[in-house]
C-alpha atoms as a PDB file:
ATOM      1  CA  MET A   1      98.812  89.965  99.500  1.00  0.00           C
ATOM      2  CA  ARG A   2     102.329  90.830 100.575  1.00  0.00           C
ATOM      3  CA  GLU A   3     103.311  91.161  96.917  1.00  0.00           C
ATOM      4  CA  THR A   4     100.594  93.768  96.257  1.00  0.00           C
ATOM      5  CA  THR A   5     101.047  95.771  99.464  1.00  0.00           C
ATOM      6  CA  PRO A   6     103.703  98.128  98.007  1.00  0.00           C
ATOM      7  CA  GLN A   7     101.498  98.838  94.977  1.00  0.00           C
ATOM      8  CA  LEU A   8      98.486  99.581  97.184  1.00  0.00           C
ATOM      9  CA  GLU A   9     100.520 101.821  99.475  1.00  0.00           C
ATOM     10  CA  ALA A  10     101.993 103.680  96.488  1.00  0.00           C
ATOM     11  CA  THR A  11      98.434 104.383  95.346  1.00  0.00           C
ATOM     12  CA  GLY A  12      97.547 105.886  98.732  1.00  0.00           C
ATOM     13  CA  PHE A  13      95.978 102.937 100.527  1.00  0.00           C
ATOM     14  CA  ASN A  14      96.970 102.007 104.063  1.00  0.00           C
ATOM     15  CA  VAL A  15      97.464  98.259 104.352  1.00  0.00           C
ATOM     16  CA  LEU A  16      97.433  96.311 107.595  1.00  0.00           C
ATOM     17  CA  LEU A  17      98.277  92.595 107.546  1.00  0.00           C
ATOM     18  CA  LEU A  18      97.283  90.731 110.687  1.00  0.00           C
ATOM     19  CA  ASP A  19      97.853  87.302 112.161  1.00  0.00           C
ATOM     20  CA  ILE A  20      94.494  86.250 113.601  1.00  0.00           C
ATOM     21  CA  HIS A  21      96.246  83.915 116.015  1.00  0.00           C
ATOM     22  CA  ALA A  22      98.050  86.743 117.815  1.00  0.00           C
ATOM     23  CA  THR A  23      97.108  90.091 119.303  1.00  0.00           C
ATOM     24  CA  PRO A  24      95.923  92.468 117.776  1.00  0.00           C
ATOM     25  CA  GLY A  25      94.689  90.188 114.987  1.00  0.00           C
ATOM     26  CA  ARG A  26      92.658  88.057 117.368  1.00  0.00           C
ATOM     27  CA  ASP A  27      91.033  91.156 118.886  1.00  0.00           C
ATOM     28  CA  LEU A  28      90.112  92.520 115.467  1.00  0.00           C
ATOM     29  CA  LEU A  29      88.764  89.107 114.431  1.00  0.00           C
ATOM     30  CA  GLU A  30      86.300  89.350 117.314  1.00  0.00           C
ATOM     31  CA  ARG A  31      85.510  93.024 116.713  1.00  0.00           C
ATOM     32  CA  PHE A  32      84.804  92.718 112.984  1.00  0.00           C
ATOM     33  CA  LYS A  33      83.382  89.193 113.151  1.00  0.00           C
ATOM     34  CA  PHE A  34      84.895  87.753 110.007  1.00  0.00           C
ATOM     35  CA  VAL A  35      84.606  83.997 109.634  1.00  0.00           C
ATOM     36  CA  SER A  36      87.128  83.076 106.972  1.00  0.00           C
ATOM     37  CA  THR A  37      90.653  83.987 106.101  1.00  0.00           C
ATOM     38  CA  PRO A  38      91.790  85.781 104.243  1.00  0.00           C
ATOM     39  CA  THR A  39      89.198  88.507 104.699  1.00  0.00           C
ATOM     40  CA  PHE A  40      89.794  91.920 103.181  1.00  0.00           C
ATOM     41  CA  LEU A  41      88.050  94.807 104.883  1.00  0.00           C
ATOM     42  CA  VAL A  42      87.899  98.175 103.124  1.00  0.00           C
ATOM     43  CA  PHE A  43      87.366 101.308 105.209  1.00  0.00           C
ATOM     44  CA  ASP A  44      86.779 104.856 104.047  1.00  0.00           C
ATOM     45  CA  ALA A  45      88.647 107.881 105.402  1.00  0.00           C
ATOM     46  CA  SER A  46      86.183 108.214 108.298  1.00  0.00           C
ATOM     47  CA  GLY A  47      86.774 104.627 109.413  1.00  0.00           C
ATOM     48  CA  GLN A  48      83.483 103.204 108.148  1.00  0.00           C
ATOM     49  CA  GLU A  49      83.630  99.730 106.659  1.00  0.00           C
ATOM     50  CA  VAL A  50      82.539 100.049 103.026  1.00  0.00           C
ATOM     51  CA  HIS A  51      83.242  96.546 101.762  1.00  0.00           C
ATOM     52  CA  ARG A  52      84.430  93.107 102.801  1.00  0.00           C
ATOM     53  CA  THR A  53      85.467  90.200 100.633  1.00  0.00           C
ATOM     54  CA  ALA A  54      87.370  86.923 100.811  1.00  0.00           C
ATOM     55  CA  THR A  55      89.272  87.658  97.607  1.00  0.00           C
ATOM     56  CA  LEU A  56      91.883  90.324  97.037  1.00  0.00           C
ATOM     57  CA  PRO A  57      90.191  93.289  95.362  1.00  0.00           C
ATOM     58  CA  THR A  58      91.826  94.988  92.404  1.00  0.00           C
ATOM     59  CA  LEU A  59      92.841  98.649  92.562  1.00  0.00           C
ATOM     60  CA  THR A  60      89.850  99.477  90.357  1.00  0.00           C
ATOM     61  CA  GLU A  61      87.490  97.681  92.742  1.00  0.00           C
ATOM     62  CA  LEU A  62      89.022  99.396  95.780  1.00  0.00           C
ATOM     63  CA  ALA A  63      88.582 102.801  94.184  1.00  0.00           C
ATOM     64  CA  ALA A  64      84.954 101.985  93.318  1.00  0.00           C
ATOM     65  CA  TYR A  65      84.196 100.860  96.893  1.00  0.00           C
ATOM     66  CA  LEU A  66      85.547 104.137  98.221  1.00  0.00           C
ATOM     67  CA  GLN A  67      83.630 106.275  95.730  1.00  0.00           C
ATOM     68  CA  ALA A  68      80.281 104.523  96.201  1.00  0.00           C
ATOM     69  CA  PRO A  69      77.687 106.476  98.208  1.00  0.00           C
END
């Protein structure tokens, strides 16, 4: 993931990498109730979760998640 972060950010995505064993990662683990790591959560501009997956999505997939109704 760290290798793709610059590419995602250059495309306009905000990327947040968290350690689930430390705050705030632990707090977000409880809030979003994911059960495996890694978990990738995709949010739209309004903050709504639009997709979650255990595998790193491609840029094409990310764009599709954000354009879906």
